[in-house]
Amino acid sequence: QVQLVESGGGLVQAGGSLRLSCAASGRTFSSYHMGWFRQVPGKEREVVAVTTWNGGNTYYPDSVKGRFTISRDNGKNTVTLQMNSLKPEDTAVYYCAADFFISPSSPSFVHGPPKYWGQGTQVTVSS
């Protein structure tokens, strides 16, 4: 069992930066692929960043590539999302997720729903 707790959301002006953190409990954290997803009302949840279990590979959709960076520290059971050059369209609830299959050829890079989710943290980017 893994519990995920996100932090770091908030309000920022366009062009600004935010850093989201996800703290995980459970001894098997280092064996899971991890990711960040986001969702706005009325839309499906979408992936914004994925990292393999050891951090060796990362995947980003074009919408955030070059602006967002995912990283993990398996010694501290944390995964972070550094978000730079934020845009109003980045406004969403951001979720940390764990334990899923990675499919690099898939548009979402993820095959099947993650098994574990955090409670989400709101990110609002003002124009």
C-alpha atoms as a PDB file:
ATOM      1  CA  GLN A   1       0.000   0.000   0.000  1.00  0.00           C
ATOM      2  CA  VAL A   2       1.261   3.449  -0.913  1.00  0.00           C
ATOM      3  CA  GLN A   3      -0.096   6.780   0.282  1.00  0.00           C
ATOM      4  CA  LEU A   4       0.719   9.907  -1.678  1.00  0.00           C
ATOM      5  CA  VAL A   5       0.490  13.462  -0.368  1.00  0.00           C
ATOM      6  CA  GLU A   6       1.017  16.430  -2.662  1.00  0.00           C
ATOM      7  CA  SER A   7       2.057  19.921  -1.645  1.00  0.00           C
ATOM      8  CA  GLY A   8       3.257  23.124  -3.253  1.00  0.00           C
ATOM      9  CA  GLY A   9       0.260  24.250  -5.243  1.00  0.00           C
ATOM     10  CA  GLY A  10      -0.950  27.820  -5.238  1.00  0.00           C
ATOM     11  CA  LEU A  11      -1.554  30.962  -7.236  1.00  0.00           C
ATOM     12  CA  VAL A  12       1.120  32.324  -9.547  1.00  0.00           C
ATOM     13  CA  GLN A  13       1.245  34.846 -12.351  1.00  0.00           C
ATOM     14  CA  ALA A  14       1.830  33.765 -15.924  1.00  0.00           C
ATOM     15  CA  GLY A  15       5.514  33.270 -16.557  1.00  0.00           C
ATOM     16  CA  GLY A  16       6.171  32.307 -12.964  1.00  0.00           C
ATOM     17  CA  SER A  17       7.253  29.033 -11.411  1.00  0.00           C
ATOM     18  CA  LEU A  18       5.942  26.544  -8.897  1.00  0.00           C
ATOM     19  CA  ARG A  19       7.404  23.393  -7.450  1.00  0.00           C
ATOM     20  CA  LEU A  20       5.090  20.555  -6.502  1.00  0.00           C
ATOM     21  CA  SER A  21       6.174  17.817  -4.152  1.00  0.00           C
ATOM     22  CA  CYS A  22       4.732  14.392  -3.517  1.00  0.00           C
ATOM     23  CA  ALA A  23       5.634  12.493  -0.384  1.00  0.00           C
ATOM     24  CA  ALA A  24       5.034   8.768  -0.480  1.00  0.00           C
ATOM     25  CA  SER A  25       4.720   6.249   2.281  1.00  0.00           C
ATOM     26  CA  GLY A  26       5.493   2.604   1.848  1.00  0.00           C
ATOM     27  CA  ARG A  27       8.646   0.583   1.523  1.00  0.00           C
ATOM     28  CA  THR A  28       8.145  -0.214  -2.158  1.00  0.00           C
ATOM     29  CA  PHE A  29       8.159   3.388  -3.438  1.00  0.00           C
ATOM     30  CA  SER A  30      11.399   2.894  -5.335  1.00  0.00           C
ATOM     31  CA  SER A  31       9.912   0.056  -7.366  1.00  0.00           C
ATOM     32  CA  TYR A  32       7.101   2.159  -8.841  1.00  0.00           C
ATOM     33  CA  HIS A  33       6.978   4.347 -11.868  1.00  0.00           C
ATOM     34  CA  MET A  34       5.669   7.755 -10.782  1.00  0.00           C
ATOM     35  CA  GLY A  35       3.841  10.513 -12.529  1.00  0.00           C
ATOM     36  CA  TRP A  36       2.056  13.811 -12.314  1.00  0.00           C
ATOM     37  CA  PHE A  37      -1.348  14.294 -13.855  1.00  0.00           C
ATOM     38  CA  ARG A  38      -3.711  17.235 -13.970  1.00  0.00           C
ATOM     39  CA  GLN A  39      -7.397  17.786 -14.414  1.00  0.00           C
ATOM     40  CA  VAL A  40      -9.706  20.706 -15.027  1.00  0.00           C
ATOM     41  CA  PRO A  41     -13.463  20.525 -14.532  1.00  0.00           C
ATOM     42  CA  GLY A  42     -15.226  18.920 -17.442  1.00  0.00           C
ATOM     43  CA  LYS A  43     -12.081  17.414 -18.915  1.00  0.00           C
ATOM     44  CA  GLU A  44     -10.321  14.100 -18.588  1.00  0.00           C
ATOM     45  CA  ARG A  45      -7.304  13.800 -16.365  1.00  0.00           C
ATOM     46  CA  GLU A  46      -4.132  14.132 -18.426  1.00  0.00           C
ATOM     47  CA  VAL A  47      -0.547  13.195 -17.812  1.00  0.00           C
ATOM     48  CA  VAL A  48       2.027  15.978 -17.513  1.00  0.00           C
ATOM     49  CA  ALA A  49       5.150  14.081 -16.503  1.00  0.00           C
ATOM     50  CA  VAL A  50       6.234  10.496 -15.933  1.00  0.00           C
ATOM     51  CA  THR A  51       9.399   9.044 -14.494  1.00  0.00           C
ATOM     52  CA  THR A  52      10.564   5.471 -14.375  1.00  0.00           C
ATOM     53  CA  TRP A  53      11.219   3.713 -11.077  1.00  0.00           C
ATOM     54  CA  ASN A  54      14.863   4.762 -10.996  1.00  0.00           C
ATOM     55  CA  GLY A  55      14.451   8.170 -12.604  1.00  0.00           C
ATOM     56  CA  GLY A  56      16.390   6.996 -15.615  1.00  0.00           C
ATOM     57  CA  ASN A  57      13.738   7.980 -18.122  1.00  0.00           C
ATOM     58  CA  THR A  58      11.202  10.785 -18.119  1.00  0.00           C
ATOM     59  CA  TYR A  59       8.351  11.557 -20.454  1.00  0.00           C
ATOM     60  CA  TYR A  60       6.427  14.760 -21.102  1.00  0.00           C
ATOM     61  CA  PRO A  61       3.641  15.739 -23.466  1.00  0.00           C
ATOM     62  CA  ASP A  62       4.392  18.528 -25.902  1.00  0.00           C
ATOM     63  CA  SER A  63       2.212  20.903 -23.914  1.00  0.00           C
ATOM     64  CA  VAL A  64       4.713  21.022 -21.043  1.00  0.00           C
ATOM     65  CA  LYS A  65       7.965  19.802 -22.588  1.00  0.00           C
ATOM     66  CA  GLY A  66      10.788  22.194 -21.890  1.00  0.00           C
ATOM     67  CA  ARG A  67       8.858  23.894 -19.075  1.00  0.00           C
ATOM     68  CA  PHE A  68       8.180  21.084 -16.572  1.00  0.00           C
ATOM     69  CA  THR A  69      10.716  18.762 -14.998  1.00  0.00           C
ATOM     70  CA  ILE A  70       9.940  15.667 -12.955  1.00  0.00           C
ATOM     71  CA  SER A  71      12.476  14.218 -10.562  1.00  0.00           C
ATOM     72  CA  ARG A  72      12.482  11.697  -7.751  1.00  0.00           C
ATOM     73  CA  ASP A  73      14.504  10.892  -4.686  1.00  0.00           C
ATOM     74  CA  ASN A  74      14.031   7.250  -3.768  1.00  0.00           C
ATOM     75  CA  GLY A  75      15.990   7.738  -0.573  1.00  0.00           C
ATOM     76  CA  LYS A  76      13.441  10.303   0.622  1.00  0.00           C
ATOM     77  CA  ASN A  77      10.385   8.751  -1.040  1.00  0.00           C
ATOM     78  CA  THR A  78       9.586  11.951  -2.869  1.00  0.00           C
ATOM     79  CA  VAL A  79       8.834  13.007  -6.408  1.00  0.00           C
ATOM     80  CA  THR A  80       8.769  16.621  -7.490  1.00  0.00           C
ATOM     81  CA  LEU A  81       7.477  18.589 -10.438  1.00  0.00           C
ATOM     82  CA  GLN A  82       9.268  21.814 -11.221  1.00  0.00           C
ATOM     83  CA  MET A  83       7.023  23.994 -13.351  1.00  0.00           C
ATOM     84  CA  ASN A  84       8.495  27.016 -15.097  1.00  0.00           C
ATOM     85  CA  SER A  85       7.104  29.547 -17.563  1.00  0.00           C
ATOM     86  CA  LEU A  86       3.616  28.768 -16.362  1.00  0.00           C
ATOM     87  CA  LYS A  87       0.663  29.640 -18.545  1.00  0.00           C
ATOM     88  CA  PRO A  88      -2.990  30.228 -17.656  1.00  0.00           C
ATOM     89  CA  GLU A  89      -3.827  26.966 -19.425  1.00  0.00           C
ATOM     90  CA  ASP A  90      -1.717  25.124 -16.846  1.00  0.00           C
ATOM     91  CA  THR A  91      -4.389  25.916 -14.280  1.00  0.00           C
ATOM     92  CA  ALA A  92      -5.702  22.616 -12.903  1.00  0.00           C
ATOM     93  CA  VAL A  93      -5.703  20.269  -9.969  1.00  0.00           C
ATOM     94  CA  TYR A  94      -2.439  18.363 -10.055  1.00  0.00           C
ATOM     95  CA  TYR A  95      -2.239  14.771  -8.864  1.00  0.00           C
ATOM     96  CA  CYS A  96       0.675  12.578  -7.992  1.00  0.00           C
ATOM     97  CA  ALA A  97       0.288   8.948  -9.048  1.00  0.00           C
ATOM     98  CA  ALA A  98       2.167   5.703  -8.639  1.00  0.00           C
ATOM     99  CA  ASP A  99       2.259   2.141  -9.911  1.00  0.00           C
ATOM    100  CA  PHE A 100       1.374   1.984 -13.572  1.00  0.00           C
ATOM    101  CA  PHE A 101       2.823   0.654 -16.798  1.00  0.00           C
ATOM    102  CA  ILE A 102       4.769   2.972 -19.049  1.00  0.00           C
ATOM    103  CA  SER A 103       4.137   2.869 -22.767  1.00  0.00           C
ATOM    104  CA  PRO A 104       6.541   5.267 -24.516  1.00  0.00           C
ATOM    105  CA  SER A 105       4.689   4.937 -27.805  1.00  0.00           C
ATOM    106  CA  SER A 106       1.389   5.968 -26.261  1.00  0.00           C
ATOM    107  CA  PRO A 107       0.401   9.668 -26.395  1.00  0.00           C
ATOM    108  CA  SER A 108      -0.074   9.571 -22.629  1.00  0.00           C
ATOM    109  CA  PHE A 109       3.008   7.388 -21.990  1.00  0.00           C
ATOM    110  CA  VAL A 110       0.889   5.436 -19.536  1.00  0.00           C
ATOM    111  CA  HIS A 111      -0.867   2.121 -20.075  1.00  0.00           C
ATOM    112  CA  GLY A 112      -3.791   1.616 -17.754  1.00  0.00           C
ATOM    113  CA  PRO A 113      -4.773   3.714 -14.740  1.00  0.00           C
ATOM    114  CA  PRO A 114      -2.305   4.219 -11.889  1.00  0.00           C
ATOM    115  CA  LYS A 115      -3.058   2.175  -8.816  1.00  0.00           C
ATOM    116  CA  TYR A 116      -2.332   4.944  -6.319  1.00  0.00           C
ATOM    117  CA  TRP A 117      -3.325   8.608  -6.368  1.00  0.00           C
ATOM    118  CA  GLY A 118      -2.758  11.564  -4.137  1.00  0.00           C
ATOM    119  CA  GLN A 119      -5.534  13.909  -3.118  1.00  0.00           C
ATOM    120  CA  GLY A 120      -4.495  16.635  -5.537  1.00  0.00           C
ATOM    121  CA  THR A 121      -3.233  20.184  -5.208  1.00  0.00           C
ATOM    122  CA  GLN A 122      -4.650  23.238  -6.972  1.00  0.00           C
ATOM    123  CA  VAL A 123      -2.450  25.239  -9.299  1.00  0.00           C
ATOM    124  CA  THR A 124      -3.846  28.519 -10.583  1.00  0.00           C
ATOM    125  CA  VAL A 125      -1.994  30.656 -13.107  1.00  0.00           C
ATOM    126  CA  SER A 126      -3.311  34.166 -13.575  1.00  0.00           C
ATOM    127  CA  SER A 127      -2.875  36.091 -16.802  1.00  0.00           C
END
